[in-house]
Amino acid sequence: MTSVNGMTTSIAAAPEHRSPAWRILRGIGLDTQFILLGFPLGLITLVLFVTGFAVGLGTVVIWVGVPILLGTLMLARGFAAIERIRIAPVLGRRLPHPYYKRAAAGASLVRRVFTPLSDGQVWLDFLHGIFRIIPSTIAFAFAVTWWAGTLGGLTFPLWDWSIPRGPDDTDLPELLGMGDAWGTRVVFYLAVGFFFLGTLYPVLRGTALLEAWFARGLLSGVNELREQVAEAEAARDTAQAQKAAAVSAEATALRRLERDIHDGPQQRLVRLAMDLGRAEQQFSTDPEAARATVAEALTQTRETLDELRALSRGIAPPILVDRGLQAALTALAGRSTVPVDLDAPPLERLDAAVETTAYFVVAESLTNVAKHSHAAEVQVGVRRAPTGLLITIADDGVGGASLAKGHGLAGLADRVEAAGGVMDLASPAGGGTTVTVVLPL
């Protein structure tokens, strides 16, 4: 199973129905073979690498040592690849293959030869091959001791008879004051065997992890750190892009709101002030005309309130806050001048920012459809998907829409990016327009 970040891949876990005892037995087997095989591998790599490095370094002045050093490092790289495979079952996950330097295409022979010699990861592989004997020896000693204590103690009654004892020989139970009877010896060594058996799994697990963690630190630690830094930088870049998109979307929304207020309610309020001023002058000379002017001013007031309500619905409509996204989209579709086929099944209440962004996407898209597409129908779909909230708006208009700066959908794309979502636009000339948005939940 691959992890979300793609750095590691989990080893297939034992099925859930398998008992804990089976998992312990399996762990004992894996740890034992890992430790017992690690010790001879440590001896082999120690001899090969020390010999290769000493001979190569001693003969480097006559250039014979260069290929010897290079061969030793390539050998270290091969043993490191084997070790990464070996420690996967112990750690429960595969280690990622690290980055190794490569000579550029068309590089000279000298550069191709010396590139591995300047690769830090290759030298870490080499150091692991030399010093791995330390944790391998510790782990091997504990494993052999605990297995010998377990098997020897539990099988003592089967082989005690084969030990020659003279009249002056003393056994360990007798030295401890427990007597020298055969039954006493059997009970004592069986108790020792059960002690080693009871502690066998944690001892093997601990020593195997000691050897595996040492290998991981040298063979994959630098690479994992590099990938973590890369992920952190990518997350920082994403956060900065979202911040810039949010600022851009907010500025666009404020400019549009300012323009709408200036072109609509503000002009009506100016006319209302002029009508009321004219009515005030008419009251003394022509009361009937004054009443007509006041009536017209009341009409202007109602129209201004309607425009302000429409503007407020574009920011945060009350129905969205009170009844949720489905009800708000239904009301939005009902007000559209282009017939809307709405497919929005009931959803549980989502995060307020997600609901607001989704509403804004549909509202802005329907506005663009009404203004520019010349469409006869528009289909709107909103549903929850594994990747997030999926929103699609498709019309049968003239197409030709663009996400480039200066176009109507640029601000919408910024709004979606600021919310952490992605937006895709398909708008071939004469083929209609489809806007697809995915918002994370």
Protein backbone atom coordinates (compact mmCIF):
# COMPACT_ATOMS: atom_id res chain seq x y z
CA MET A 1 0.00 0.00 0.00
CA THR A 2 1.59 3.26 -1.13
CA SER A 3 1.51 6.19 1.29
CA VAL A 4 0.00 9.53 0.42
CA ASN A 5 3.27 11.31 -0.08
CA GLY A 6 4.65 8.50 -2.10
CA MET A 7 7.81 8.27 -0.03
CA THR A 8 7.25 4.78 1.34
CA THR A 9 5.31 1.67 0.51
CA SER A 10 3.91 -0.41 3.32
CA ILE A 11 4.60 -4.12 3.42
CA ALA A 12 1.40 -6.12 3.20
CA ALA A 13 0.22 -6.62 6.73
CA ALA A 14 -0.98 -9.91 8.10
CA PRO A 15 -4.72 -10.40 7.72
CA GLU A 16 -6.79 -9.23 10.64
CA HIS A 17 -8.11 -12.72 11.43
CA ARG A 18 -4.65 -14.06 12.24
CA SER A 19 -4.02 -14.38 15.94
CA PRO A 20 -1.47 -12.34 17.90
CA ALA A 21 0.43 -15.56 18.63
CA TRP A 22 0.87 -16.18 14.91
CA ARG A 23 2.13 -12.63 14.39
CA ILE A 24 4.63 -13.07 17.23
CA LEU A 25 5.90 -16.34 15.75
CA ARG A 26 6.18 -14.70 12.34
CA GLY A 27 8.09 -11.76 13.87
CA ILE A 28 10.48 -14.11 15.67
CA GLY A 29 11.21 -15.90 12.41
CA LEU A 30 11.77 -12.70 10.44
CA ASP A 31 13.98 -11.12 13.11
CA THR A 32 16.02 -14.30 13.57
CA GLN A 33 16.82 -14.74 9.89
CA PHE A 34 17.59 -11.02 9.59
CA ILE A 35 20.06 -11.13 12.49
CA LEU A 36 21.70 -14.44 11.63
CA LEU A 37 22.23 -13.40 8.01
CA GLY A 38 23.36 -9.89 8.94
CA PHE A 39 26.42 -11.06 10.89
CA PRO A 40 28.14 -12.93 8.01
CA LEU A 41 27.18 -10.16 5.60
CA GLY A 42 28.84 -7.70 7.99
CA LEU A 43 32.04 -9.75 8.03
CA ILE A 44 32.05 -10.01 4.23
CA THR A 45 31.51 -6.28 3.64
CA LEU A 46 34.08 -5.35 6.28
CA VAL A 47 36.80 -7.47 4.65
CA LEU A 48 35.91 -6.48 1.07
CA PHE A 49 35.57 -2.76 1.69
CA VAL A 50 38.58 -2.31 3.96
CA THR A 51 40.74 -4.33 1.58
CA GLY A 52 39.44 -2.55 -1.52
CA PHE A 53 39.81 0.89 0.04
CA ALA A 54 43.33 0.19 1.36
CA VAL A 55 44.55 -1.24 -1.95
CA GLY A 56 42.86 1.47 -4.00
CA LEU A 57 44.14 4.29 -1.83
CA GLY A 58 47.64 2.84 -1.81
CA THR A 59 47.82 2.59 -5.57
CA VAL A 60 45.95 5.72 -6.51
CA VAL A 61 49.17 7.54 -7.27
CA ILE A 62 49.74 5.24 -10.26
CA TRP A 63 46.04 5.49 -11.29
CA VAL A 64 45.50 1.78 -10.72
CA GLY A 65 43.75 2.59 -7.47
CA VAL A 66 41.05 4.70 -9.15
CA PRO A 67 39.17 1.77 -10.72
CA ILE A 68 39.72 -0.25 -7.55
CA LEU A 69 38.15 2.53 -5.46
CA LEU A 70 35.36 2.89 -7.98
CA GLY A 71 34.70 -0.85 -7.95
CA THR A 72 34.67 -0.88 -4.14
CA LEU A 73 32.12 1.93 -4.04
CA MET A 74 29.92 0.23 -6.64
CA LEU A 75 30.15 -2.96 -4.56
CA ALA A 76 29.07 -0.95 -1.51
CA ARG A 77 26.16 0.40 -3.48
CA GLY A 78 25.10 -3.14 -4.41
CA PHE A 79 25.29 -4.40 -0.83
CA ALA A 80 23.32 -1.33 0.27
CA ALA A 81 20.53 -2.19 -2.19
CA ILE A 82 20.40 -5.72 -0.74
CA GLU A 83 20.28 -4.33 2.80
CA ARG A 84 17.37 -2.01 1.97
CA ILE A 85 15.43 -5.04 0.79
CA ARG A 86 16.40 -7.04 3.89
CA ILE A 87 15.31 -4.47 6.43
CA ALA A 88 11.90 -3.88 4.79
CA PRO A 89 10.12 -6.69 6.72
CA VAL A 90 11.78 -5.63 9.98
CA LEU A 91 10.70 -1.99 9.72
CA GLY A 92 7.36 -2.86 8.13
CA ARG A 93 7.92 -0.71 5.06
CA ARG A 94 10.24 -0.52 2.10
CA LEU A 95 12.88 2.16 2.06
CA PRO A 96 12.82 4.47 -0.96
CA HIS A 97 15.64 4.14 -3.43
CA PRO A 98 17.94 7.11 -2.77
CA TYR A 99 19.19 9.58 -5.32
CA TYR A 100 22.61 8.81 -6.77
CA LYS A 101 24.60 11.26 -8.82
CA ARG A 102 24.83 10.61 -12.52
CA ALA A 103 27.14 12.10 -15.07
CA ALA A 104 25.44 14.35 -17.58
CA ALA A 105 24.68 12.97 -21.00
CA GLY A 106 27.69 13.30 -23.24
CA ALA A 107 30.10 13.72 -20.31
CA SER A 108 33.71 12.69 -20.75
CA LEU A 109 35.07 9.39 -19.49
CA VAL A 110 36.95 11.12 -16.66
CA ARG A 111 33.77 12.83 -15.45
CA ARG A 112 31.80 9.59 -15.65
CA VAL A 113 34.49 7.85 -13.57
CA PHE A 114 34.78 10.54 -10.91
CA THR A 115 31.06 11.28 -10.52
CA PRO A 116 30.45 8.26 -8.21
CA LEU A 117 33.52 9.22 -6.19
CA SER A 118 31.89 12.59 -5.40
CA ASP A 119 28.50 11.10 -4.47
CA GLY A 120 27.83 11.42 -0.75
CA GLN A 121 25.26 8.61 -0.69
CA VAL A 122 27.78 6.14 -2.15
CA TRP A 123 30.21 6.96 0.65
CA LEU A 124 27.42 6.49 3.21
CA ASP A 125 26.81 3.05 1.70
CA PHE A 126 30.54 2.37 2.06
CA LEU A 127 30.57 3.47 5.71
CA HIS A 128 27.58 1.25 6.43
CA GLY A 129 29.40 -1.73 4.95
CA ILE A 130 32.36 -1.13 7.27
CA PHE A 131 30.62 -0.26 10.54
CA ARG A 132 27.56 -2.49 10.24
CA ILE A 133 29.60 -5.24 11.91
CA ILE A 134 29.11 -3.44 15.26
CA PRO A 135 25.29 -3.64 15.53
CA SER A 136 25.34 -6.96 13.66
CA THR A 137 27.69 -8.49 16.23
CA ILE A 138 25.62 -7.20 19.14
CA ALA A 139 22.41 -8.49 17.60
CA PHE A 140 24.01 -11.84 16.68
CA ALA A 141 25.34 -12.36 20.23
CA PHE A 142 21.96 -11.68 21.82
CA ALA A 143 20.12 -13.83 19.27
CA VAL A 144 22.43 -16.83 19.72
CA THR A 145 22.37 -16.48 23.51
CA TRP A 146 18.59 -16.29 23.76
CA TRP A 147 17.98 -19.09 21.29
CA ALA A 148 20.54 -21.29 23.09
CA GLY A 149 18.98 -20.53 26.45
CA THR A 150 15.49 -21.24 25.13
CA LEU A 151 16.25 -24.45 23.29
CA GLY A 152 18.78 -25.73 25.83
CA GLY A 153 16.57 -25.08 28.84
CA LEU A 154 13.37 -26.49 27.39
CA THR A 155 15.07 -29.64 26.07
CA PHE A 156 17.26 -30.23 29.16
CA PRO A 157 15.52 -33.49 30.19
CA LEU A 158 16.36 -34.95 26.77
CA TRP A 159 20.12 -34.39 26.89
CA ASP A 160 21.03 -34.19 30.59
CA TRP A 161 21.90 -37.88 30.64
CA SER A 162 24.66 -37.33 28.08
CA ILE A 163 26.70 -35.03 30.35
CA PRO A 164 29.42 -37.01 32.19
CA ARG A 165 29.56 -36.14 35.90
CA GLY A 166 32.14 -37.32 38.42
CA PRO A 167 31.59 -37.68 42.16
CA ASP A 168 33.15 -34.28 42.80
CA ASP A 169 31.35 -32.44 39.97
CA THR A 170 28.89 -29.74 40.98
CA ASP A 171 26.06 -28.39 38.90
CA LEU A 172 24.71 -24.85 38.87
CA PRO A 173 21.63 -25.68 40.98
CA GLU A 174 23.90 -27.23 43.61
CA LEU A 175 26.11 -24.13 43.64
CA LEU A 176 22.96 -22.09 44.28
CA GLY A 177 22.08 -24.33 47.22
CA MET A 178 19.19 -26.07 45.47
CA GLY A 179 20.54 -29.60 45.82
CA ASP A 180 21.89 -31.99 43.24
CA ALA A 181 18.87 -34.20 42.60
CA TRP A 182 17.94 -34.86 38.96
CA GLY A 183 14.47 -33.44 39.44
CA THR A 184 15.86 -30.23 40.89
CA ARG A 185 18.14 -29.79 37.89
CA VAL A 186 15.26 -30.38 35.50
CA VAL A 187 13.04 -27.81 37.22
CA PHE A 188 15.85 -25.26 37.34
CA TYR A 189 16.83 -25.55 33.67
CA LEU A 190 13.23 -25.67 32.52
CA ALA A 191 12.65 -22.42 34.43
CA VAL A 192 15.68 -20.94 32.70
CA GLY A 193 14.34 -22.12 29.34
CA PHE A 194 10.92 -20.56 29.95
CA PHE A 195 12.59 -17.28 30.98
CA PHE A 196 14.51 -17.11 27.72
CA LEU A 197 11.40 -18.17 25.79
CA GLY A 198 9.29 -15.45 27.43
CA THR A 199 11.82 -12.76 26.60
CA LEU A 200 12.84 -14.11 23.19
CA TYR A 201 10.49 -11.96 21.10
CA PRO A 202 11.28 -8.54 22.69
CA VAL A 203 15.03 -9.26 22.70
CA LEU A 204 15.05 -10.30 19.04
CA ARG A 205 12.78 -7.40 18.09
CA GLY A 206 14.95 -4.86 19.88
CA THR A 207 18.25 -6.09 18.49
CA ALA A 208 16.83 -6.44 14.97
CA LEU A 209 15.52 -2.88 15.14
CA LEU A 210 18.92 -1.71 16.39
CA GLU A 211 20.59 -3.16 13.31
CA ALA A 212 17.80 -1.99 10.96
CA TRP A 213 17.74 1.58 12.31
CA PHE A 214 21.51 1.82 11.96
CA ALA A 215 21.19 0.73 8.32
CA ARG A 216 18.29 3.08 7.68
CA GLY A 217 20.17 6.05 9.07
CA LEU A 218 23.08 5.60 6.67
CA LEU A 219 21.35 4.08 3.66
CA SER A 220 18.20 6.17 3.56
CA GLY A 221 18.35 8.89 6.22
CA VAL A 222 19.84 11.60 4.01
CA ASN A 223 17.48 10.78 1.18
CA GLU A 224 14.44 10.85 3.49
CA LEU A 225 15.59 14.18 4.90
CA ARG A 226 16.01 15.53 1.38
CA GLU A 227 12.49 14.40 0.46
CA GLN A 228 11.05 15.92 3.63
CA VAL A 229 12.72 19.21 2.80
CA ALA A 230 11.34 19.00 -0.76
CA GLU A 231 7.84 18.30 0.58
CA ALA A 232 8.12 21.20 3.01
CA GLU A 233 9.22 23.51 0.21
CA ALA A 234 6.37 22.28 -2.00
CA ALA A 235 3.90 22.86 0.83
CA ARG A 236 5.34 26.34 1.35
CA ASP A 237 5.04 27.13 -2.35
CA THR A 238 1.45 25.85 -2.35
CA ALA A 239 0.61 27.96 0.68
CA GLN A 240 2.15 31.03 -0.92
CA ALA A 241 0.25 30.38 -4.15
CA GLN A 242 -3.01 29.97 -2.23
CA LYS A 243 -2.30 33.16 -0.30
CA ALA A 244 -1.62 35.07 -3.52
CA ALA A 245 -4.75 33.59 -5.10
CA ALA A 246 -6.82 34.56 -2.06
CA VAL A 247 -5.53 38.13 -2.19
CA SER A 248 -6.21 38.28 -5.93
CA ALA A 249 -9.68 36.80 -5.56
CA GLU A 250 -10.52 39.17 -2.72
CA ALA A 251 -9.31 42.17 -4.72
CA THR A 252 -11.33 41.05 -7.75
CA ALA A 253 -14.43 40.54 -5.62
CA LEU A 254 -14.03 43.95 -4.01
CA ARG A 255 -13.57 45.65 -7.39
CA ARG A 256 -16.64 43.92 -8.77
CA LEU A 257 -18.68 44.81 -5.69
CA GLU A 258 -17.50 48.42 -5.89
CA ARG A 259 -18.42 48.56 -9.58
CA ASP A 260 -21.83 46.99 -9.00
CA ILE A 261 -22.60 49.38 -6.14
CA HIS A 262 -21.42 52.35 -8.20
CA ASP A 263 -23.42 51.38 -11.27
CA GLY A 264 -26.57 50.33 -9.38
CA PRO A 265 -27.52 51.36 -5.84
CA GLN A 266 -25.26 54.43 -5.76
CA GLN A 267 -26.84 55.92 -8.90
CA ARG A 268 -30.31 55.18 -7.59
CA LEU A 269 -29.49 56.81 -4.26
CA VAL A 270 -28.22 59.93 -6.07
CA ARG A 271 -31.44 60.09 -8.08
CA LEU A 272 -33.45 59.47 -4.87
CA ALA A 273 -31.76 62.43 -3.19
CA MET A 274 -32.51 64.63 -6.21
CA ASP A 275 -36.17 63.51 -6.32
CA LEU A 276 -36.65 64.19 -2.63
CA GLY A 277 -35.08 67.62 -3.02
CA ARG A 278 -37.39 68.42 -5.93
CA ALA A 279 -40.39 67.14 -3.95
CA GLU A 280 -39.48 69.41 -1.05
CA GLN A 281 -39.59 72.41 -3.36
CA GLN A 282 -42.84 71.26 -4.98
CA PHE A 283 -44.79 70.89 -1.72
CA SER A 284 -45.37 74.65 -1.49
CA THR A 285 -46.22 75.24 -5.17
CA ASP A 286 -47.57 71.95 -6.59
CA PRO A 287 -48.55 69.36 -3.94
CA GLU A 288 -49.82 66.88 -6.54
CA ALA A 289 -46.51 66.92 -8.38
CA ALA A 290 -44.70 66.55 -5.04
CA ARG A 291 -46.75 63.45 -4.18
CA ALA A 292 -45.93 61.96 -7.60
CA THR A 293 -42.25 62.66 -7.05
CA VAL A 294 -42.35 61.02 -3.58
CA ALA A 295 -44.13 57.97 -5.04
CA GLU A 296 -41.41 57.69 -7.67
CA ALA A 297 -38.79 58.01 -4.91
CA LEU A 298 -40.42 55.14 -3.02
CA THR A 299 -40.19 53.02 -6.14
CA GLN A 300 -36.52 53.92 -6.44
CA THR A 301 -36.04 52.91 -2.78
CA ARG A 302 -37.60 49.49 -3.32
CA GLU A 303 -35.49 48.89 -6.43
CA THR A 304 -32.36 49.94 -4.55
CA LEU A 305 -33.18 47.50 -1.74
CA ASP A 306 -33.71 44.73 -4.28
CA GLU A 307 -30.31 45.43 -5.85
CA LEU A 308 -28.61 45.48 -2.44
CA ARG A 309 -30.23 42.14 -1.58
CA ALA A 310 -28.99 40.71 -4.87
CA LEU A 311 -25.49 41.92 -4.12
CA SER A 312 -25.61 40.45 -0.62
CA ARG A 313 -26.72 37.11 -2.04
CA GLY A 314 -23.54 37.07 -4.13
CA ILE A 315 -21.44 37.51 -0.97
CA ALA A 316 -23.10 35.26 1.62
CA PRO A 317 -26.81 34.57 1.02
CA PRO A 318 -28.83 33.91 4.18
CA ILE A 319 -30.33 30.75 2.72
CA LEU A 320 -26.82 29.26 2.41
CA VAL A 321 -26.09 29.95 6.05
CA ASP A 322 -29.49 28.79 7.30
CA ARG A 323 -30.39 25.83 5.08
CA GLY A 324 -27.19 24.66 3.41
CA LEU A 325 -25.70 24.36 -0.04
CA GLN A 326 -28.46 22.38 -1.76
CA ALA A 327 -31.20 24.87 -0.84
CA ALA A 328 -29.00 27.82 -1.84
CA LEU A 329 -28.19 26.28 -5.23
CA THR A 330 -31.87 25.50 -5.82
CA ALA A 331 -32.75 29.14 -5.19
CA LEU A 332 -29.86 30.24 -7.39
CA ALA A 333 -31.04 28.01 -10.24
CA GLY A 334 -34.55 29.36 -9.90
CA ARG A 335 -33.35 32.94 -10.39
CA SER A 336 -31.20 32.13 -13.42
CA THR A 337 -32.30 33.63 -16.73
CA VAL A 338 -31.01 30.51 -18.50
CA PRO A 339 -32.83 27.24 -17.70
CA VAL A 340 -30.80 25.20 -15.23
CA ASP A 341 -30.80 21.41 -14.87
CA LEU A 342 -29.59 21.05 -11.26
CA ASP A 343 -28.22 17.74 -9.98
CA ALA A 344 -27.39 18.37 -6.32
CA PRO A 345 -28.33 15.51 -3.96
CA PRO A 346 -28.69 16.30 -0.25
CA LEU A 347 -25.35 16.76 1.49
CA GLU A 348 -24.48 17.01 5.13
CA ARG A 349 -23.39 20.48 6.21
CA LEU A 350 -19.87 21.19 5.03
CA ASP A 351 -17.28 23.66 6.24
CA ALA A 352 -18.55 27.21 5.81
CA ALA A 353 -15.62 28.17 3.57
CA VAL A 354 -16.28 25.19 1.29
CA GLU A 355 -19.99 25.93 1.02
CA THR A 356 -19.35 29.60 0.30
CA THR A 357 -16.76 28.82 -2.37
CA ALA A 358 -19.03 26.23 -4.00
CA TYR A 359 -21.92 28.69 -4.05
CA PHE A 360 -19.68 31.39 -5.49
CA VAL A 361 -18.45 29.04 -8.24
CA VAL A 362 -21.97 28.17 -9.35
CA ALA A 363 -23.27 31.76 -9.02
CA GLU A 364 -20.38 33.27 -10.99
CA SER A 365 -20.58 30.55 -13.65
CA LEU A 366 -24.32 31.09 -14.13
CA THR A 367 -23.73 34.83 -14.40
CA ASN A 368 -21.11 34.26 -17.10
CA VAL A 369 -23.44 31.86 -18.92
CA ALA A 370 -26.21 34.45 -18.93
CA LYS A 371 -23.91 37.25 -20.11
CA HIS A 372 -21.66 35.60 -22.68
CA SER A 373 -22.57 32.05 -23.69
CA HIS A 374 -25.88 32.51 -25.55
CA ALA A 375 -26.76 29.07 -24.17
CA ALA A 376 -30.23 27.53 -24.19
CA GLU A 377 -29.59 25.35 -21.13
CA VAL A 378 -26.98 24.83 -18.46
CA GLN A 379 -26.39 21.71 -16.39
CA VAL A 380 -25.07 22.04 -12.83
CA GLY A 381 -23.88 19.04 -10.83
CA VAL A 382 -22.64 19.08 -7.24
CA ARG A 383 -21.76 15.86 -5.48
CA ARG A 384 -19.33 14.50 -2.94
CA ALA A 385 -16.50 12.42 -4.43
CA PRO A 386 -13.51 10.62 -2.88
CA THR A 387 -11.28 13.51 -3.95
CA GLY A 388 -13.54 16.20 -2.45
CA LEU A 389 -16.59 18.20 -3.52
CA LEU A 390 -16.99 17.88 -7.29
CA ILE A 391 -18.77 20.75 -9.08
CA THR A 392 -19.52 20.79 -12.82
CA ILE A 393 -21.23 23.55 -14.81
CA ALA A 394 -21.79 22.74 -18.50
CA ASP A 395 -23.67 24.86 -21.06
CA ASP A 396 -24.48 24.43 -24.74
CA GLY A 397 -23.39 27.93 -25.72
CA VAL A 398 -20.81 29.34 -28.09
CA GLY A 399 -17.73 28.42 -25.98
CA GLY A 400 -14.48 30.32 -26.25
CA ALA A 401 -14.12 31.04 -22.51
CA SER A 402 -10.62 31.47 -21.06
CA LEU A 403 -8.90 31.43 -17.68
CA ALA A 404 -6.36 34.05 -18.75
CA LYS A 405 -6.02 37.21 -16.72
CA GLY A 406 -8.50 39.83 -17.77
CA HIS A 407 -11.24 37.31 -18.48
CA GLY A 408 -14.23 36.75 -16.27
CA LEU A 409 -13.18 33.30 -15.06
CA ALA A 410 -9.73 34.38 -13.85
CA GLY A 411 -11.10 35.64 -10.54
CA LEU A 412 -13.10 32.44 -10.15
CA ALA A 413 -9.94 30.37 -10.63
CA ASP A 414 -8.16 32.46 -7.97
CA ARG A 415 -11.05 31.91 -5.57
CA VAL A 416 -10.90 28.14 -6.10
CA GLU A 417 -7.11 28.03 -5.69
CA ALA A 418 -7.34 30.08 -2.50
CA ALA A 419 -9.67 27.41 -1.09
CA GLY A 420 -7.11 24.71 -1.93
CA GLY A 421 -9.11 23.36 -4.88
CA VAL A 422 -8.43 22.85 -8.56
CA MET A 423 -10.36 24.13 -11.56
CA ASP A 424 -10.46 22.88 -15.12
CA LEU A 425 -12.02 24.65 -18.10
CA ALA A 426 -13.04 23.08 -21.41
CA SER A 427 -14.49 25.63 -23.82
CA PRO A 428 -13.89 24.90 -27.51
CA ALA A 429 -15.27 27.46 -29.92
CA GLY A 430 -18.85 26.54 -30.77
CA GLY A 431 -18.80 23.53 -28.44
CA GLY A 432 -20.11 24.95 -25.19
CA THR A 433 -18.27 25.48 -21.94
CA THR A 434 -17.65 23.01 -19.09
CA VAL A 435 -16.23 24.20 -15.79
CA THR A 436 -15.06 21.48 -13.40
CA VAL A 437 -14.02 22.32 -9.86
CA VAL A 438 -12.86 20.04 -7.03
CA LEU A 439 -12.78 21.49 -3.52
CA PRO A 440 -11.01 19.59 -0.71
CA LEU A 441 -13.09 18.52 2.26
